[in-house]
PDB file of N, CA and C in Angstrom:
ATOM      1  N   MET A   1     105.287 100.102  43.011  1.00  0.00           N
ATOM      2  CA  MET A   1     105.792 101.048  44.219  1.00  0.00           C
ATOM      3  C   MET A   1     104.945 101.670  44.294  1.00  0.00           C
ATOM      4  N   ARG A   2     103.860 102.398  44.071  1.00  0.00           N
ATOM      5  CA  ARG A   2     102.746 102.653  44.772  1.00  0.00           C
ATOM      6  C   ARG A   2     101.491 101.755  45.470  1.00  0.00           C
ATOM      7  N   ARG A   3     101.477 100.821  44.948  1.00  0.00           N
ATOM      8  CA  ARG A   3     100.535  99.240  45.568  1.00  0.00           C
ATOM      9  C   ARG A   3     101.541  99.160  45.986  1.00  0.00           C
ATOM     10  N   THR A   4     102.769  98.860  46.794  1.00  0.00           N
ATOM     11  CA  THR A   4     103.303  97.925  47.949  1.00  0.00           C
ATOM     12  C   THR A   4     103.033  99.359  48.710  1.00  0.00           C
ATOM     13  N   LEU A   5     103.627 100.623  48.434  1.00  0.00           N
ATOM     14  CA  LEU A   5     103.339 101.915  49.499  1.00  0.00           C
ATOM     15  C   LEU A   5     102.076 101.613  50.399  1.00  0.00           C
ATOM     16  N   THR A   6     101.108 101.168  49.666  1.00  0.00           N
ATOM     17  CA  THR A   6      99.451 101.614  50.093  1.00  0.00           C
ATOM     18  C   THR A   6      99.353 100.323  50.699  1.00  0.00           C
ATOM     19  N   LEU A   7     100.057  99.428  50.316  1.00  0.00           N
ATOM     20  CA  LEU A   7      99.908  98.300  51.305  1.00  0.00           C
ATOM     21  C   LEU A   7     100.548  97.846  52.555  1.00  0.00           C
ATOM     22  N   VAL A   8     101.571  98.757  52.517  1.00  0.00           N
ATOM     23  CA  VAL A   8     102.133  98.456  54.056  1.00  0.00           C
ATOM     24  C   VAL A   8     101.470  99.620  54.837  1.00  0.00           C
ATOM     25  N   THR A   9     100.961 100.606  54.171  1.00  0.00           N
ATOM     26  CA  THR A   9     100.149 102.026  54.533  1.00  0.00           C
ATOM     27  C   THR A   9      98.744 100.829  55.684  1.00  0.00           C
ATOM     28  N   ALA A  10      98.458 100.225  54.534  1.00  0.00           N
ATOM     29  CA  ALA A  10      97.435  99.365  55.580  1.00  0.00           C
ATOM     30  C   ALA A  10      97.744  98.511  55.875  1.00  0.00           C
ATOM     31  N   VAL A  11      99.004  97.850  56.057  1.00  0.00           N
ATOM     32  CA  VAL A  11      99.451  97.227  56.915  1.00  0.00           C
ATOM     33  C   VAL A  11      99.345  97.661  58.602  1.00  0.00           C
ATOM     34  N   VAL A  12     100.422  98.638  58.523  1.00  0.00           N
ATOM     35  CA  VAL A  12     100.702  99.598  59.443  1.00  0.00           C
ATOM     36  C   VAL A  12      99.311 100.088  60.342  1.00  0.00           C
ATOM     37  N   VAL A  13      98.326 100.537  59.264  1.00  0.00           N
ATOM     38  CA  VAL A  13      96.957 100.973  60.079  1.00  0.00           C
ATOM     39  C   VAL A  13      96.427 100.060  60.877  1.00  0.00           C
ATOM     40  N   LEU A  14      96.188  98.682  60.402  1.00  0.00           N
ATOM     41  CA  LEU A  14      95.684  98.139  61.028  1.00  0.00           C
ATOM     42  C   LEU A  14      96.130  97.186  61.906  1.00  0.00           C
ATOM     43  N   ALA A  15      97.783  97.393  62.482  1.00  0.00           N
ATOM     44  CA  ALA A  15      98.405  96.502  62.935  1.00  0.00           C
ATOM     45  C   ALA A  15      98.298  97.542  64.237  1.00  0.00           C
ATOM     46  N   SER A  16      98.265  98.823  63.836  1.00  0.00           N
ATOM     47  CA  SER A  16      98.432  99.834  65.107  1.00  0.00           C
ATOM     48  C   SER A  16      97.075  99.523  65.681  1.00  0.00           C
ATOM     49  N   GLY A  17      96.089  99.242  65.444  1.00  0.00           N
ATOM     50  CA  GLY A  17      94.620  98.962  66.494  1.00  0.00           C
ATOM     51  C   GLY A  17      94.713  97.740  67.293  1.00  0.00           C
ATOM     52  N   CYS A  18      95.680  96.657  66.515  1.00  0.00           N
ATOM     53  CA  CYS A  18      95.835  95.675  67.388  1.00  0.00           C
ATOM     54  C   CYS A  18      96.184  95.032  68.724  1.00  0.00           C
ATOM     55  N   GLY A  19      96.519  95.172  69.054  1.00  0.00           N
ATOM     56  CA  GLY A  19      96.803  94.809  70.721  1.00  0.00           C
ATOM     57  C   GLY A  19      96.381  95.755  72.070  1.00  0.00           C
ATOM     58  N   ALA A  20      96.420  96.888  71.112  1.00  0.00           N
ATOM     59  CA  ALA A  20      95.337  98.053  72.219  1.00  0.00           C
ATOM     60  C   ALA A  20      94.375  98.158  72.528  1.00  0.00           C
ATOM     61  N   GLY A  21      93.265  97.373  71.856  1.00  0.00           N
ATOM     62  CA  GLY A  21      91.702  97.584  72.019  1.00  0.00           C
ATOM     63  C   GLY A  21      91.177  98.475  71.231  1.00  0.00           C
ATOM     64  N   GLY A  22      89.967  98.832  71.337  1.00  0.00           N
ATOM     65  CA  GLY A  22      89.341  99.719  70.603  1.00  0.00           C
ATOM     66  C   GLY A  22      88.991 101.012  71.258  1.00  0.00           C
ATOM     67  N   GLY A  23      89.318 101.176  72.258  1.00  0.00           N
ATOM     68  CA  GLY A  23      90.142 102.606  73.411  1.00  0.00           C
ATOM     69  C   GLY A  23      90.916 103.040  72.888  1.00  0.00           C
ATOM     70  N   ASP A  24      92.067 102.970  72.298  1.00  0.00           N
ATOM     71  CA  ASP A  24      93.854 103.532  72.257  1.00  0.00           C
ATOM     72  C   ASP A  24      93.700 104.304  71.668  1.00  0.00           C
ATOM     73  N   ASP A  25      92.832 105.654  72.386  1.00  0.00           N
ATOM     74  CA  ASP A  25      92.577 106.787  71.641  1.00  0.00           C
ATOM     75  C   ASP A  25      92.464 107.871  72.723  1.00  0.00           C
ATOM     76  N   ALA A  26      91.952 109.157  72.539  1.00  0.00           N
ATOM     77  CA  ALA A  26      91.896 109.982  73.680  1.00  0.00           C
ATOM     78  C   ALA A  26      90.446 109.684  73.815  1.00  0.00           C
ATOM     79  N   ALA A  27      89.658 109.301  73.832  1.00  0.00           N
ATOM     80  CA  ALA A  27      88.555 109.276  73.819  1.00  0.00           C
ATOM     81  C   ALA A  27      88.039 108.302  74.869  1.00  0.00           C
ATOM     82  N   GLY A  28      89.037 107.375  74.324  1.00  0.00           N
ATOM     83  CA  GLY A  28      88.591 105.970  74.883  1.00  0.00           C
ATOM     84  C   GLY A  28      89.759 105.801  76.086  1.00  0.00           C
ATOM     85  N   VAL A  29      90.718 106.143  76.010  1.00  0.00           N
ATOM     86  CA  VAL A  29      91.287 106.737  77.144  1.00  0.00           C
ATOM     87  C   VAL A  29      90.561 107.351  78.565  1.00  0.00           C
ATOM     88  N   GLN A  30      89.794 108.056  78.254  1.00  0.00           N
ATOM     89  CA  GLN A  30      89.244 109.141  78.884  1.00  0.00           C
ATOM     90  C   GLN A  30      87.916 108.233  79.357  1.00  0.00           C
ATOM     91  N   ARG A  31      87.131 107.403  78.724  1.00  0.00           N
ATOM     92  CA  ARG A  31      86.397 106.371  79.529  1.00  0.00           C
ATOM     93  C   ARG A  31      87.037 105.563  80.064  1.00  0.00           C
ATOM     94  N   GLY A  32      87.878 105.083  79.769  1.00  0.00           N
ATOM     95  CA  GLY A  32      88.598 103.893  80.242  1.00  0.00           C
ATOM     96  C   GLY A  32      89.133 104.928  81.816  1.00  0.00           C
ATOM     97  N   GLU A  33      89.610 105.865  81.934  1.00  0.00           N
ATOM     98  CA  GLU A  33      89.621 106.605  82.892  1.00  0.00           C
ATOM     99  C   GLU A  33      88.475 106.186  84.351  1.00  0.00           C
ATOM    100  N   GLN A  34      87.537 106.677  83.432  1.00  0.00           N
ATOM    101  CA  GLN A  34      86.385 106.517  84.315  1.00  0.00           C
ATOM    102  C   GLN A  34      86.005 105.008  84.998  1.00  0.00           C
ATOM    103  N   LEU A  35      85.668 104.235  83.600  1.00  0.00           N
ATOM    104  CA  LEU A  35      85.482 102.800  83.865  1.00  0.00           C
ATOM    105  C   LEU A  35      86.591 102.342  85.161  1.00  0.00           C
ATOM    106  N   PHE A  36      87.882 102.721  84.629  1.00  0.00           N
ATOM    107  CA  PHE A  36      88.813 102.049  85.935  1.00  0.00           C
ATOM    108  C   PHE A  36      88.359 102.731  87.247  1.00  0.00           C
ATOM    109  N   ALA A  37      87.810 103.884  87.531  1.00  0.00           N
ATOM    110  CA  ALA A  37      87.789 104.340  88.702  1.00  0.00           C
ATOM    111  C   ALA A  37      86.489 104.092  89.470  1.00  0.00           C
ATOM    112  N   ALA A  38      85.400 103.020  88.513  1.00  0.00           N
ATOM    113  CA  ALA A  38      84.000 102.884  88.868  1.00  0.00           C
ATOM    114  C   ALA A  38      84.452 101.161  89.260  1.00  0.00           C
ATOM    115  N   ASN A  39      85.245 100.516  88.729  1.00  0.00           N
ATOM    116  CA  ASN A  39      85.508  99.511  88.616  1.00  0.00           C
ATOM    117  C   ASN A  39      86.480  99.218  89.188  1.00  0.00           C
ATOM    118  N   CYS A  40      87.590  99.682  89.405  1.00  0.00           N
ATOM    119  CA  CYS A  40      89.036  98.931  89.574  1.00  0.00           C
ATOM    120  C   CYS A  40      89.934  99.812  90.339  1.00  0.00           C
ATOM    121  N   ALA A  41      89.563 101.017  90.702  1.00  0.00           N
ATOM    122  CA  ALA A  41      90.401 102.092  91.531  1.00  0.00           C
ATOM    123  C   ALA A  41      90.378 101.547  93.263  1.00  0.00           C
ATOM    124  N   VAL A  42      89.215 100.568  93.565  1.00  0.00           N
ATOM    125  CA  VAL A  42      88.861 100.055  94.820  1.00  0.00           C
ATOM    126  C   VAL A  42      90.121  99.067  95.451  1.00  0.00           C
ATOM    127  N   CYS A  43      90.270  98.193  94.373  1.00  0.00           N
ATOM    128  CA  CYS A  43      91.488  97.735  94.798  1.00  0.00           C
ATOM    129  C   CYS A  43      92.984  98.405  94.173  1.00  0.00           C
ATOM    130  N   HIS A  44      93.116  98.748  92.693  1.00  0.00           N
ATOM    131  CA  HIS A  44      94.199  99.648  92.457  1.00  0.00           C
ATOM    132  C   HIS A  44      94.698 100.706  92.367  1.00  0.00           C
ATOM    133  N   GLY A  45      93.762 101.175  93.439  1.00  0.00           N
ATOM    134  CA  GLY A  45      93.939 102.737  93.982  1.00  0.00           C
ATOM    135  C   GLY A  45      93.494 103.915  92.425  1.00  0.00           C
ATOM    136  N   PRO A  46      93.239 104.806  92.534  1.00  0.00           N
ATOM    137  CA  PRO A  46      92.245 105.680  91.615  1.00  0.00           C
ATOM    138  C   PRO A  46      93.598 105.817  90.317  1.00  0.00           C
ATOM    139  N   GLU A  47      95.026 106.099  91.085  1.00  0.00           N
ATOM    140  CA  GLU A  47      95.754 106.028  89.885  1.00  0.00           C
ATOM    141  C   GLU A  47      96.501 104.739  89.454  1.00  0.00           C
ATOM    142  N   GLY A  48      95.915 104.155  89.698  1.00  0.00           N
ATOM    143  CA  GLY A  48      96.685 102.801  89.213  1.00  0.00           C
ATOM    144  C   GLY A  48      97.707 102.228  89.919  1.00  0.00           C
ATOM    145  N   GLN A  49      97.877 102.797  91.213  1.00  0.00           N
ATOM    146  CA  GLN A  49      99.691 102.758  91.939  1.00  0.00           C
ATOM    147  C   GLN A  49      99.446 101.455  93.100  1.00  0.00           C
ATOM    148  N   GLY A  50      97.969 101.062  93.384  1.00  0.00           N
ATOM    149  CA  GLY A  50      97.927  99.820  94.240  1.00  0.00           C
ATOM    150  C   GLY A  50      97.530 100.214  95.703  1.00  0.00           C
ATOM    151  N   THR A  51      97.338  99.841  96.358  1.00  0.00           N
ATOM    152  CA  THR A  51      96.218 100.145  97.671  1.00  0.00           C
ATOM    153  C   THR A  51      96.820  98.374  98.612  1.00  0.00           C
ATOM    154  N   THR A  52      96.473  98.728  99.512  1.00  0.00           N
ATOM    155  CA  THR A  52      96.720  97.468 100.515  1.00  0.00           C
ATOM    156  C   THR A  52      96.337  96.591  99.953  1.00  0.00           C
ATOM    157  N   VAL A  53      94.723  96.713  99.418  1.00  0.00           N
ATOM    158  CA  VAL A  53      94.416  95.057  98.966  1.00  0.00           C
ATOM    159  C   VAL A  53      94.444  94.745  97.624  1.00  0.00           C
ATOM    160  N   GLY A  54      95.294  95.635  96.540  1.00  0.00           N
ATOM    161  CA  GLY A  54      95.705  95.175  95.527  1.00  0.00           C
ATOM    162  C   GLY A  54      97.133  95.940  94.489  1.00  0.00           C
ATOM    163  N   PRO A  55      97.326  95.444  93.626  1.00  0.00           N
ATOM    164  CA  PRO A  55      98.823  95.425  93.387  1.00  0.00           C
ATOM    165  C   PRO A  55      98.671  96.998  92.451  1.00  0.00           C
ATOM    166  N   PRO A  56      99.979  97.540  92.285  1.00  0.00           N
ATOM    167  CA  PRO A  56      99.749  99.141  91.380  1.00  0.00           C
ATOM    168  C   PRO A  56     100.135  98.184  90.173  1.00  0.00           C
ATOM    169  N   LEU A  57      99.036  98.502  88.886  1.00  0.00           N
ATOM    170  CA  LEU A  57      98.706  98.833  87.698  1.00  0.00           C
ATOM    171  C   LEU A  57     100.166  99.268  87.005  1.00  0.00           C
ATOM    172  N   VAL A  58     100.347 100.305  87.449  1.00  0.00           N
ATOM    173  CA  VAL A  58     101.464 101.561  86.900  1.00  0.00           C
ATOM    174  C   VAL A  58     102.726 101.061  87.248  1.00  0.00           C
ATOM    175  N   HIS A  59     103.495  99.792  87.299  1.00  0.00           N
ATOM    176  CA  HIS A  59     104.193  99.466  87.527  1.00  0.00           C
ATOM    177  C   HIS A  59     105.325  98.534  86.689  1.00  0.00           C
ATOM    178  N   GLU A  60     106.544  98.562  86.351  1.00  0.00           N
ATOM    179  CA  GLU A  60     107.053  97.362  85.224  1.00  0.00           C
ATOM    180  C   GLU A  60     106.694  95.928  85.492  1.00  0.00           C
ATOM    181  N   ILE A  61     105.902  95.412  85.836  1.00  0.00           N
ATOM    182  CA  ILE A  61     104.992  93.883  86.711  1.00  0.00           C
ATOM    183  C   ILE A  61     104.497  94.402  84.977  1.00  0.00           C
ATOM    184  N   TYR A  62     103.835  94.939  85.430  1.00  0.00           N
ATOM    185  CA  TYR A  62     102.645  95.121  84.074  1.00  0.00           C
ATOM    186  C   TYR A  62     102.826  96.189  82.868  1.00  0.00           C
ATOM    187  N   GLU A  63     103.996  95.893  82.743  1.00  0.00           N
ATOM    188  CA  GLU A  63     104.227  96.362  80.850  1.00  0.00           C
ATOM    189  C   GLU A  63     103.676  95.051  79.791  1.00  0.00           C
ATOM    190  N   PRO A  64     103.606  95.987  79.152  1.00  0.00           N
ATOM    191  CA  PRO A  64     102.941  95.338  77.815  1.00  0.00           C
ATOM    192  C   PRO A  64     103.732  94.090  77.407  1.00  0.00           C
ATOM    193  N   GLY A  65     104.889  93.876  77.512  1.00  0.00           N
ATOM    194  CA  GLY A  65     105.817  92.509  77.204  1.00  0.00           C
ATOM    195  C   GLY A  65     105.755  91.957  78.143  1.00  0.00           C
ATOM    196  N   HIS A  66     105.174  92.109  79.685  1.00  0.00           N
ATOM    197  CA  HIS A  66     105.633  90.894  80.621  1.00  0.00           C
ATOM    198  C   HIS A  66     103.626  90.521  80.739  1.00  0.00           C
ATOM    199  N   HIS A  67     102.931  91.423  80.543  1.00  0.00           N
ATOM    200  CA  HIS A  67     101.387  91.447  80.784  1.00  0.00           C
ATOM    201  C   HIS A  67     100.846  91.925  79.802  1.00  0.00           C
ATOM    202  N   PRO A  68     101.218  91.200  78.547  1.00  0.00           N
ATOM    203  CA  PRO A  68      99.940  91.995  77.534  1.00  0.00           C
ATOM    204  C   PRO A  68      98.629  92.429  77.971  1.00  0.00           C
ATOM    205  N   ASP A  69      98.139  92.955  76.994  1.00  0.00           N
ATOM    206  CA  ASP A  69      96.721  93.353  77.072  1.00  0.00           C
ATOM    207  C   ASP A  69      95.981  92.458  77.105  1.00  0.00           C
ATOM    208  N   ASP A  70      95.829  91.425  76.431  1.00  0.00           N
ATOM    209  CA  ASP A  70      94.950  90.191  76.564  1.00  0.00           C
ATOM    210  C   ASP A  70      95.271  89.322  78.275  1.00  0.00           C
ATOM    211  N   ALA A  71      96.052  89.434  78.684  1.00  0.00           N
ATOM    212  CA  ALA A  71      96.083  89.295  80.226  1.00  0.00           C
ATOM    213  C   ALA A  71      95.220  90.125  80.837  1.00  0.00           C
ATOM    214  N   PHE A  72      95.317  91.342  80.474  1.00  0.00           N
ATOM    215  CA  PHE A  72      94.380  92.441  81.121  1.00  0.00           C
ATOM    216  C   PHE A  72      92.953  91.501  81.081  1.00  0.00           C
ATOM    217  N   HIS A  73      92.371  91.610  79.747  1.00  0.00           N
ATOM    218  CA  HIS A  73      91.211  90.839  79.518  1.00  0.00           C
ATOM    219  C   HIS A  73      90.673  89.661  79.972  1.00  0.00           C
ATOM    220  N   ARG A  74      91.646  88.871  80.169  1.00  0.00           N
ATOM    221  CA  ARG A  74      91.612  87.323  81.204  1.00  0.00           C
ATOM    222  C   ARG A  74      91.288  87.706  82.326  1.00  0.00           C
ATOM    223  N   ALA A  75      92.160  88.217  82.859  1.00  0.00           N
ATOM    224  CA  ALA A  75      91.831  89.211  84.313  1.00  0.00           C
ATOM    225  C   ALA A  75      90.807  89.260  84.757  1.00  0.00           C
ATOM    226  N   VAL A  76      89.716  90.104  83.713  1.00  0.00           N
ATOM    227  CA  VAL A  76      88.604  90.538  84.258  1.00  0.00           C
ATOM    228  C   VAL A  76      87.533  89.705  83.964  1.00  0.00           C
ATOM    229  N   THR A  77      88.045  88.977  82.983  1.00  0.00           N
ATOM    230  CA  THR A  77      86.784  87.976  82.439  1.00  0.00           C
ATOM    231  C   THR A  77      86.932  87.069  83.682  1.00  0.00           C
ATOM    232  N   ASP A  78      87.702  86.135  83.779  1.00  0.00           N
ATOM    233  CA  ASP A  78      88.149  84.922  85.039  1.00  0.00           C
ATOM    234  C   ASP A  78      88.504  85.136  85.896  1.00  0.00           C
ATOM    235  N   GLY A  79      89.573  85.848  86.271  1.00  0.00           N
ATOM    236  CA  GLY A  79      90.088  86.139  87.236  1.00  0.00           C
ATOM    237  C   GLY A  79      91.516  85.422  87.217  1.00  0.00           C
ATOM    238  N   THR A  80      92.097  86.012  88.275  1.00  0.00           N
ATOM    239  CA  THR A  80      93.303  85.406  88.133  1.00  0.00           C
ATOM    240  C   THR A  80      93.716  85.075  89.656  1.00  0.00           C
ATOM    241  N   PRO A  81      94.933  83.495  89.556  1.00  0.00           N
ATOM    242  CA  PRO A  81      95.288  83.786  90.805  1.00  0.00           C
ATOM    243  C   PRO A  81      96.362  84.370  91.162  1.00  0.00           C
ATOM    244  N   ALA A  82      96.962  84.306  92.404  1.00  0.00           N
ATOM    245  CA  ALA A  82      97.995  85.515  93.180  1.00  0.00           C
ATOM    246  C   ALA A  82      98.917  85.513  92.541  1.00  0.00           C
ATOM    247  N   HIS A  83     100.058  86.049  91.869  1.00  0.00           N
ATOM    248  CA  HIS A  83     101.373  85.556  91.264  1.00  0.00           C
ATOM    249  C   HIS A  83     101.959  87.467  91.122  1.00  0.00           C
ATOM    250  N   HIS A  84     103.023  87.376  91.729  1.00  0.00           N
ATOM    251  CA  HIS A  84     103.861  88.654  91.826  1.00  0.00           C
ATOM    252  C   HIS A  84     103.959  89.335  93.357  1.00  0.00           C
ATOM    253  N   TRP A  85     102.444  89.409  94.002  1.00  0.00           N
ATOM    254  CA  TRP A  85     102.061  90.306  95.184  1.00  0.00           C
ATOM    255  C   TRP A  85     101.342  89.176  96.300  1.00  0.00           C
ATOM    256  N   ASN A  86     101.232  89.661  97.139  1.00  0.00           N
ATOM    257  CA  ASN A  86     100.741  88.801  98.251  1.00  0.00           C
ATOM    258  C   ASN A  86      99.406  89.293  98.695  1.00  0.00           C
ATOM    259  N   PHE A  87      98.316  89.639  97.543  1.00  0.00           N
ATOM    260  CA  PHE A  87      97.006  90.136  97.767  1.00  0.00           C
ATOM    261  C   PHE A  87      95.898  89.471  97.497  1.00  0.00           C
ATOM    262  N   GLY A  88      96.474  88.247  97.442  1.00  0.00           N
ATOM    263  CA  GLY A  88      95.366  87.309  97.207  1.00  0.00           C
ATOM    264  C   GLY A  88      94.656  87.212  95.737  1.00  0.00           C
ATOM    265  N   ASP A  89      93.469  86.523  95.484  1.00  0.00           N
ATOM    266  CA  ASP A  89      93.466  86.023  93.880  1.00  0.00           C
ATOM    267  C   ASP A  89      92.253  87.110  93.542  1.00  0.00           C
ATOM    268  N   MET A  90      92.473  87.129  92.209  1.00  0.00           N
ATOM    269  CA  MET A  90      91.672  88.680  91.760  1.00  0.00           C
ATOM    270  C   MET A  90      90.405  87.854  91.080  1.00  0.00           C
ATOM    271  N   PRO A  91      89.301  88.400  92.069  1.00  0.00           N
ATOM    272  CA  PRO A  91      87.993  87.857  91.133  1.00  0.00           C
ATOM    273  C   PRO A  91      87.777  88.367  89.755  1.00  0.00           C
ATOM    274  N   PRO A  92      86.863  87.755  89.049  1.00  0.00           N
ATOM    275  CA  PRO A  92      86.632  88.112  87.697  1.00  0.00           C
ATOM    276  C   PRO A  92      85.320  89.631  88.051  1.00  0.00           C
ATOM    277  N   VAL A  93      85.870  89.981  87.058  1.00  0.00           N
ATOM    278  CA  VAL A  93      84.925  91.504  87.314  1.00  0.00           C
ATOM    279  C   VAL A  93      83.773  91.584  86.371  1.00  0.00           C
ATOM    280  N   ALA A  94      82.414  91.472  87.001  1.00  0.00           N
ATOM    281  CA  ALA A  94      81.238  91.552  86.382  1.00  0.00           C
ATOM    282  C   ALA A  94      80.876  92.766  85.867  1.00  0.00           C
ATOM    283  N   GLY A  95      80.482  93.395  84.573  1.00  0.00           N
ATOM    284  CA  GLY A  95      79.660  93.460  84.066  1.00  0.00           C
ATOM    285  C   GLY A  95      80.585  94.546  83.310  1.00  0.00           C
ATOM    286  N   LEU A  96      81.497  94.297  82.793  1.00  0.00           N
ATOM    287  CA  LEU A  96      82.613  94.813  81.797  1.00  0.00           C
ATOM    288  C   LEU A  96      82.517  94.011  80.456  1.00  0.00           C
ATOM    289  N   ASP A  97      82.339  95.107  79.437  1.00  0.00           N
ATOM    290  CA  ASP A  97      82.007  94.078  78.015  1.00  0.00           C
ATOM    291  C   ASP A  97      83.773  94.363  77.216  1.00  0.00           C
ATOM    292  N   SER A  98      84.325  93.279  76.212  1.00  0.00           N
ATOM    293  CA  SER A  98      85.458  93.637  75.992  1.00  0.00           C
ATOM    294  C   SER A  98      85.763  95.243  75.565  1.00  0.00           C
ATOM    295  N   ASP A  99      84.896  96.260  75.115  1.00  0.00           N
ATOM    296  CA  ASP A  99      85.166  97.106  74.279  1.00  0.00           C
ATOM    297  C   ASP A  99      85.216  98.145  76.005  1.00  0.00           C
ATOM    298  N   GLU A 100      84.830  98.159  76.796  1.00  0.00           N
ATOM    299  CA  GLU A 100      84.956  98.909  78.224  1.00  0.00           C
ATOM    300  C   GLU A 100      86.679  98.305  78.518  1.00  0.00           C
ATOM    301  N   VAL A 101      87.007  97.446  78.486  1.00  0.00           N
ATOM    302  CA  VAL A 101      87.738  96.549  78.749  1.00  0.00           C
ATOM    303  C   VAL A 101      89.241  97.004  78.096  1.00  0.00           C
ATOM    304  N   ASP A 102      88.895  97.580  76.774  1.00  0.00           N
ATOM    305  CA  ASP A 102      89.848  98.094  76.052  1.00  0.00           C
ATOM    306  C   ASP A 102      90.328  99.399  76.484  1.00  0.00           C
ATOM    307  N   ASP A 103      88.811  99.904  76.676  1.00  0.00           N
ATOM    308  CA  ASP A 103      89.267 101.449  77.190  1.00  0.00           C
ATOM    309  C   ASP A 103      89.501 101.704  78.370  1.00  0.00           C
ATOM    310  N   ILE A 104      89.927 100.881  79.399  1.00  0.00           N
ATOM    311  CA  ILE A 104      90.449 100.475  80.915  1.00  0.00           C
ATOM    312  C   ILE A 104      91.713 100.047  80.523  1.00  0.00           C
ATOM    313  N   ILE A 105      92.159  99.148  79.830  1.00  0.00           N
ATOM    314  CA  ILE A 105      93.557  98.729  79.018  1.00  0.00           C
ATOM    315  C   ILE A 105      94.419 100.665  78.194  1.00  0.00           C
ATOM    316  N   ALA A 106      93.791 100.854  77.885  1.00  0.00           N
ATOM    317  CA  ALA A 106      94.260 102.077  77.178  1.00  0.00           C
ATOM    318  C   ALA A 106      94.483 103.112  78.498  1.00  0.00           C
ATOM    319  N   TRP A 107      93.623 103.254  79.202  1.00  0.00           N
ATOM    320  CA  TRP A 107      93.851 104.306  80.512  1.00  0.00           C
ATOM    321  C   TRP A 107      94.964 103.995  81.023  1.00  0.00           C
ATOM    322  N   VAL A 108      95.344 102.704  81.236  1.00  0.00           N
ATOM    323  CA  VAL A 108      96.332 101.707  82.109  1.00  0.00           C
ATOM    324  C   VAL A 108      97.665 102.148  81.381  1.00  0.00           C
ATOM    325  N   ARG A 109      97.496 101.523  80.077  1.00  0.00           N
ATOM    326  CA  ARG A 109      98.973 101.983  79.171  1.00  0.00           C
ATOM    327  C   ARG A 109      99.544 103.350  79.230  1.00  0.00           C
ATOM    328  N   GLN A 110      98.021 104.391  78.995  1.00  0.00           N
ATOM    329  CA  GLN A 110      98.594 105.730  79.191  1.00  0.00           C
ATOM    330  C   GLN A 110      99.344 106.413  80.616  1.00  0.00           C
ATOM    331  N   GLN A 111      98.971 105.668  81.446  1.00  0.00           N
ATOM    332  CA  GLN A 111      99.128 106.344  83.169  1.00  0.00           C
ATOM    333  C   GLN A 111     100.638 105.452  83.033  1.00  0.00           C
ATOM    334  N   GLN A 112     101.289 104.154  82.266  1.00  0.00           N
ATOM    335  CA  GLN A 112     102.827 103.449  82.383  1.00  0.00           C
ATOM    336  C   GLN A 112     103.133 104.371  81.473  1.00  0.00           C
ATOM    337  N   ARG A 113     102.751 105.407  80.460  1.00  0.00           N
ATOM    338  CA  ARG A 113     103.789 105.566  79.448  1.00  0.00           C
ATOM    339  C   ARG A 113     104.437 106.989  80.115  1.00  0.00           C
ATOM    340  N   ASP A 114     103.203 107.332  80.999  1.00  0.00           N
ATOM    341  CA  ASP A 114     103.493 108.445  81.273  1.00  0.00           C
ATOM    342  C   ASP A 114     104.529 108.372  82.696  1.00  0.00           C
ATOM    343  N   ALA A 115     104.389 107.405  83.327  1.00  0.00           N
ATOM    344  CA  ALA A 115     105.296 107.207  84.051  1.00  0.00           C
ATOM    345  C   ALA A 115     106.977 106.456  83.586  1.00  0.00           C
ATOM    346  N   GLY A 116     106.593 106.244  82.459  1.00  0.00           N
ATOM    347  CA  GLY A 116     107.902 105.489  81.851  1.00  0.00           C
ATOM    348  C   GLY A 116     108.214 104.182  81.912  1.00  0.00           C
ATOM    349  N   ILE A 117     106.782 103.810  81.683  1.00  0.00           N
ATOM    350  CA  ILE A 117     106.966 102.148  81.529  1.00  0.00           C
ATOM    351  C   ILE A 117     106.470 101.804  80.131  1.00  0.00           C
ATOM    352  N   GLY A 118     107.855 100.823  79.674  1.00  0.00           N
ATOM    353  CA  GLY A 118     106.793  99.944  78.380  1.00  0.00           C
ATOM    354  C   GLY A 118     107.283 101.046  77.339  1.00  0.00           C
TER     355      GLY A 118
END
């Protein structure tokens, strides 16, 4: 029984880190906020609420079940064609590594949770 409990605990701990990236902690969320401000806010707004040139990320369309974290990674790395909104294609965002994108995602997900999304 103890061995099974240890195995289950290990699986839960490992799974809790999956999908949210390395930044799903308070420090990661704080770094994500700073990285979002420097790299994303010009189009998506300072709080992720969108602007006249980019869509809101704090919106139910971008909740994890519809746009998982990997979709954000691909959008940053490769850009993405216009969909859902009429803002045009999103170009890739240069200069961000995977851990930094994880931190940005952690901040966006926190904003979404605070807004009752996801």
